[in-house]
N, C-alpha and C. Protein backbone atom coordinates (compact mmCIF):
# COMPACT_ATOMS: atom_id res chain seq x y z
N MET A 1 -70.91 25.19 186.83
CA MET A 1 -71.11 23.96 186.12
C MET A 1 -72.26 24.08 185.11
N ILE A 2 -73.34 24.76 185.46
CA ILE A 2 -74.48 24.90 184.57
C ILE A 2 -74.10 25.71 183.34
N GLU A 3 -73.21 26.67 183.47
CA GLU A 3 -72.80 27.48 182.33
C GLU A 3 -72.12 26.64 181.26
N ALA A 4 -71.53 25.52 181.60
CA ALA A 4 -70.83 24.67 180.65
C ALA A 4 -71.78 23.77 179.85
N LEU A 5 -73.01 23.62 180.30
CA LEU A 5 -73.96 22.75 179.61
C LEU A 5 -74.46 23.43 178.34
N ARG A 6 -74.88 22.62 177.39
CA ARG A 6 -75.43 23.15 176.14
C ARG A 6 -76.79 23.79 176.43
N GLN A 7 -77.01 24.91 175.82
CA GLN A 7 -78.26 25.63 176.01
C GLN A 7 -78.97 25.75 174.67
N ALA A 8 -80.29 25.74 174.69
CA ALA A 8 -81.06 25.90 173.47
C ALA A 8 -80.97 27.35 173.00
N LYS A 9 -81.07 27.50 171.69
CA LYS A 9 -81.05 28.84 171.11
C LYS A 9 -82.30 29.60 171.57
N GLN A 10 -82.14 30.88 171.81
CA GLN A 10 -83.26 31.68 172.26
C GLN A 10 -84.31 31.76 171.16
N LYS A 11 -85.55 31.54 171.52
CA LYS A 11 -86.65 31.59 170.56
C LYS A 11 -86.93 33.04 170.17
N ARG A 12 -87.34 33.20 168.93
CA ARG A 12 -87.72 34.54 168.49
C ARG A 12 -89.04 34.92 169.14
N GLY A 13 -89.15 36.18 169.49
CA GLY A 13 -90.37 36.65 170.14
C GLY A 13 -91.48 36.91 169.15
N MET A 14 -92.68 36.97 169.66
CA MET A 14 -93.84 37.27 168.83
C MET A 14 -93.79 38.74 168.43
N ARG A 15 -94.22 39.01 167.20
CA ARG A 15 -94.30 40.40 166.77
C ARG A 15 -95.47 41.07 167.46
N ARG A 16 -95.27 42.28 167.82
CA ARG A 16 -96.33 43.02 168.47
C ARG A 16 -97.10 43.82 167.43
N THR A 17 -98.40 43.74 167.51
CA THR A 17 -99.24 44.47 166.58
C THR A 17 -99.74 45.73 167.24
N SER A 18 -99.83 46.76 166.45
CA SER A 18 -100.35 48.01 166.98
C SER A 18 -101.82 48.12 166.62
N SER A 19 -102.54 48.85 167.40
CA SER A 19 -103.96 49.03 167.12
C SER A 19 -104.18 49.97 165.94
N ALA A 20 -103.15 50.73 165.57
CA ALA A 20 -103.29 51.66 164.44
C ALA A 20 -103.37 50.92 163.12
N GLY A 21 -102.78 49.74 163.02
CA GLY A 21 -102.78 48.99 161.78
C GLY A 21 -104.04 48.17 161.55
N SER A 22 -104.82 47.96 162.58
CA SER A 22 -106.02 47.15 162.41
C SER A 22 -107.21 48.01 162.07
N ALA A 23 -107.96 47.58 161.08
CA ALA A 23 -109.14 48.33 160.65
C ALA A 23 -110.35 47.88 161.45
N ILE A 24 -111.19 48.81 161.78
CA ILE A 24 -112.40 48.50 162.53
C ILE A 24 -113.58 48.66 161.58
N VAL A 25 -114.35 47.59 161.44
CA VAL A 25 -115.53 47.62 160.59
C VAL A 25 -116.70 48.08 161.44
N THR A 26 -117.35 49.13 161.00
CA THR A 26 -118.47 49.65 161.77
C THR A 26 -119.66 48.71 161.65
N GLU A 27 -120.58 48.82 162.57
CA GLU A 27 -121.74 47.94 162.61
C GLU A 27 -122.63 48.11 161.38
N THR A 28 -122.66 49.30 160.80
CA THR A 28 -123.51 49.53 159.64
C THR A 28 -122.95 48.91 158.37
N LEU A 29 -121.64 48.62 158.32
CA LEU A 29 -121.02 48.08 157.12
C LEU A 29 -120.88 46.56 157.13
N ARG A 30 -121.31 45.90 158.18
CA ARG A 30 -121.13 44.46 158.27
C ARG A 30 -122.01 43.73 157.26
N ILE A 31 -121.53 42.59 156.79
CA ILE A 31 -122.22 41.85 155.74
C ILE A 31 -123.51 41.20 156.24
N ILE A 32 -123.66 41.06 157.54
CA ILE A 32 -124.90 40.46 158.06
C ILE A 32 -126.08 41.40 157.89
N HIS A 33 -125.82 42.67 157.59
CA HIS A 33 -126.89 43.65 157.39
C HIS A 33 -127.26 43.79 155.92
N ARG A 34 -126.97 42.77 155.11
CA ARG A 34 -127.32 42.78 153.69
C ARG A 34 -128.84 42.68 153.56
N PRO A 35 -129.45 43.42 152.64
CA PRO A 35 -130.91 43.34 152.47
C PRO A 35 -131.37 41.92 152.14
N GLU A 36 -132.59 41.59 152.56
CA GLU A 36 -133.11 40.23 152.45
C GLU A 36 -133.22 39.74 151.00
N ASP A 37 -133.66 40.60 150.07
CA ASP A 37 -133.80 40.15 148.68
C ASP A 37 -132.46 39.86 148.03
N ILE A 38 -131.41 40.55 148.47
CA ILE A 38 -130.07 40.27 147.96
C ILE A 38 -129.54 38.98 148.57
N GLU A 39 -129.77 38.80 149.86
CA GLU A 39 -129.28 37.60 150.55
C GLU A 39 -129.96 36.34 150.01
N ALA A 40 -131.24 36.41 149.68
CA ALA A 40 -131.97 35.25 149.19
C ALA A 40 -131.74 35.01 147.70
N ARG A 41 -131.08 35.91 147.02
CA ARG A 41 -130.78 35.80 145.58
C ARG A 41 -132.06 35.65 144.76
N LEU A 42 -133.04 36.46 145.07
CA LEU A 42 -134.32 36.41 144.37
C LEU A 42 -134.29 37.15 143.04
N VAL A 43 -133.55 38.25 142.99
CA VAL A 43 -133.56 39.13 141.83
C VAL A 43 -132.16 39.18 141.22
N PRO A 44 -132.01 38.96 139.91
CA PRO A 44 -130.68 39.11 139.30
C PRO A 44 -130.27 40.57 139.24
N GLY A 45 -128.99 40.81 139.16
CA GLY A 45 -128.48 42.17 139.04
C GLY A 45 -127.63 42.62 140.19
N HIS A 46 -127.44 41.77 141.20
CA HIS A 46 -126.59 42.11 142.33
C HIS A 46 -125.25 41.40 142.15
N TRP A 47 -124.17 42.17 142.14
CA TRP A 47 -122.85 41.65 141.84
C TRP A 47 -121.98 41.68 143.09
N LYS A 48 -121.02 40.75 143.13
CA LYS A 48 -120.06 40.68 144.23
C LYS A 48 -118.67 40.59 143.61
N GLY A 49 -117.73 41.39 144.09
CA GLY A 49 -116.39 41.41 143.53
C GLY A 49 -115.34 41.07 144.56
N ASP A 50 -114.15 40.72 144.07
CA ASP A 50 -113.04 40.36 144.93
C ASP A 50 -111.74 40.71 144.22
N LEU A 51 -110.62 40.50 144.88
CA LEU A 51 -109.30 40.73 144.31
C LEU A 51 -108.43 39.53 144.65
N ILE A 52 -107.83 38.91 143.62
CA ILE A 52 -106.94 37.76 143.82
C ILE A 52 -105.56 38.17 143.34
N LYS A 53 -104.58 38.10 144.24
CA LYS A 53 -103.21 38.48 143.90
C LYS A 53 -102.39 37.24 143.58
N GLY A 54 -101.46 37.41 142.64
CA GLY A 54 -100.59 36.32 142.22
C GLY A 54 -99.34 36.23 143.08
N ALA A 55 -98.40 35.41 142.62
CA ALA A 55 -97.17 35.19 143.36
C ALA A 55 -96.37 36.47 143.48
N PHE A 56 -95.89 36.74 144.66
CA PHE A 56 -95.07 37.91 144.98
C PHE A 56 -95.77 39.22 144.66
N ASN A 57 -97.10 39.21 144.62
CA ASN A 57 -97.91 40.41 144.33
C ASN A 57 -97.55 41.05 143.00
N ARG A 58 -97.14 40.26 142.03
CA ARG A 58 -96.76 40.80 140.72
C ARG A 58 -97.95 40.92 139.78
N SER A 59 -98.97 40.11 139.98
CA SER A 59 -100.13 40.15 139.11
C SER A 59 -101.39 40.05 139.96
N ALA A 60 -102.51 40.47 139.38
CA ALA A 60 -103.77 40.41 140.10
C ALA A 60 -104.92 40.30 139.11
N ILE A 61 -105.98 39.60 139.52
CA ILE A 61 -107.20 39.55 138.73
C ILE A 61 -108.37 39.95 139.63
N GLY A 62 -109.40 40.47 139.01
CA GLY A 62 -110.58 40.89 139.75
C GLY A 62 -111.81 40.13 139.27
N PRO A 63 -112.20 39.06 139.98
CA PRO A 63 -113.42 38.35 139.58
C PRO A 63 -114.66 39.08 140.10
N VAL A 64 -115.67 39.17 139.25
CA VAL A 64 -116.95 39.76 139.63
C VAL A 64 -118.01 38.70 139.35
N VAL A 65 -118.83 38.37 140.37
CA VAL A 65 -119.81 37.30 140.26
C VAL A 65 -121.21 37.87 140.46
N GLU A 66 -122.12 37.51 139.55
CA GLU A 66 -123.52 37.88 139.72
C GLU A 66 -124.13 36.86 140.68
N ARG A 67 -124.79 37.32 141.73
CA ARG A 67 -125.22 36.44 142.81
C ARG A 67 -126.32 35.46 142.40
N LYS A 68 -127.24 35.84 141.57
CA LYS A 68 -128.37 34.96 141.21
C LYS A 68 -127.96 33.90 140.19
N THR A 69 -127.34 34.31 139.08
CA THR A 69 -127.02 33.37 138.00
C THR A 69 -125.63 32.78 138.11
N ARG A 70 -124.80 33.30 139.02
CA ARG A 70 -123.40 32.86 139.20
C ARG A 70 -122.55 33.12 137.97
N PHE A 71 -122.92 34.10 137.16
CA PHE A 71 -122.15 34.51 135.99
C PHE A 71 -120.88 35.20 136.48
N VAL A 72 -119.73 34.81 135.93
CA VAL A 72 -118.43 35.31 136.40
C VAL A 72 -117.75 36.09 135.28
N ILE A 73 -117.21 37.25 135.63
CA ILE A 73 -116.38 38.04 134.73
C ILE A 73 -115.02 38.20 135.40
N LEU A 74 -113.96 37.80 134.70
CA LEU A 74 -112.61 37.95 135.22
C LEU A 74 -111.94 39.10 134.48
N SER A 75 -111.31 39.98 135.23
CA SER A 75 -110.60 41.09 134.60
C SER A 75 -109.19 41.16 135.15
N LYS A 76 -108.23 41.30 134.25
CA LYS A 76 -106.83 41.42 134.65
C LYS A 76 -106.57 42.85 135.11
N MET A 77 -105.99 42.99 136.29
CA MET A 77 -105.68 44.30 136.83
C MET A 77 -104.34 44.79 136.29
N GLN A 78 -104.21 46.08 136.11
CA GLN A 78 -102.97 46.66 135.59
C GLN A 78 -101.86 46.68 136.63
N GLY A 79 -102.20 46.63 137.89
CA GLY A 79 -101.21 46.64 138.95
C GLY A 79 -101.81 46.10 140.22
N CYS A 80 -101.01 46.03 141.26
CA CYS A 80 -101.48 45.50 142.54
C CYS A 80 -101.59 46.59 143.59
N THR A 81 -101.76 47.82 143.17
CA THR A 81 -101.90 48.91 144.12
C THR A 81 -103.37 49.19 144.38
N ALA A 82 -103.64 50.03 145.34
CA ALA A 82 -105.02 50.37 145.68
C ALA A 82 -105.70 51.14 144.55
N ASN A 83 -104.95 51.89 143.76
CA ASN A 83 -105.53 52.68 142.68
C ASN A 83 -105.69 51.91 141.38
N ALA A 84 -105.19 50.70 141.28
CA ALA A 84 -105.23 49.93 140.04
C ALA A 84 -106.65 49.62 139.56
N PRO A 85 -107.60 49.21 140.42
CA PRO A 85 -108.94 48.91 139.91
C PRO A 85 -109.67 50.15 139.42
N LEU A 86 -109.27 51.32 139.82
CA LEU A 86 -109.95 52.53 139.40
C LEU A 86 -109.60 52.82 137.98
C-alpha cells in the first residue's frame, strides 16, 4: 500500500570538496601581520590591488588603491586568466 502513495523527488546531495582544492594561507602571509605604519595609513605610497571579473568571466578590471589618499587607478585586463595581469 505504501508503494502506491506519492513520494517526494529525491533531493540532490551536497557536493563533496577535496582538501586538494583548498588553499592554505600560512601564518606569515596573513593580513593581520601587516606593518603598523601601513595599517595606520600614516605614510603615502602603499598600494592595494584587486581583481573584479565581469559577467561570465568575459571581462575583468584591476583596481589599484593608494591606502593613504584613496587614489584609485582602474586598468582593463586583457583576459581573465592568471597570466593576464602580467
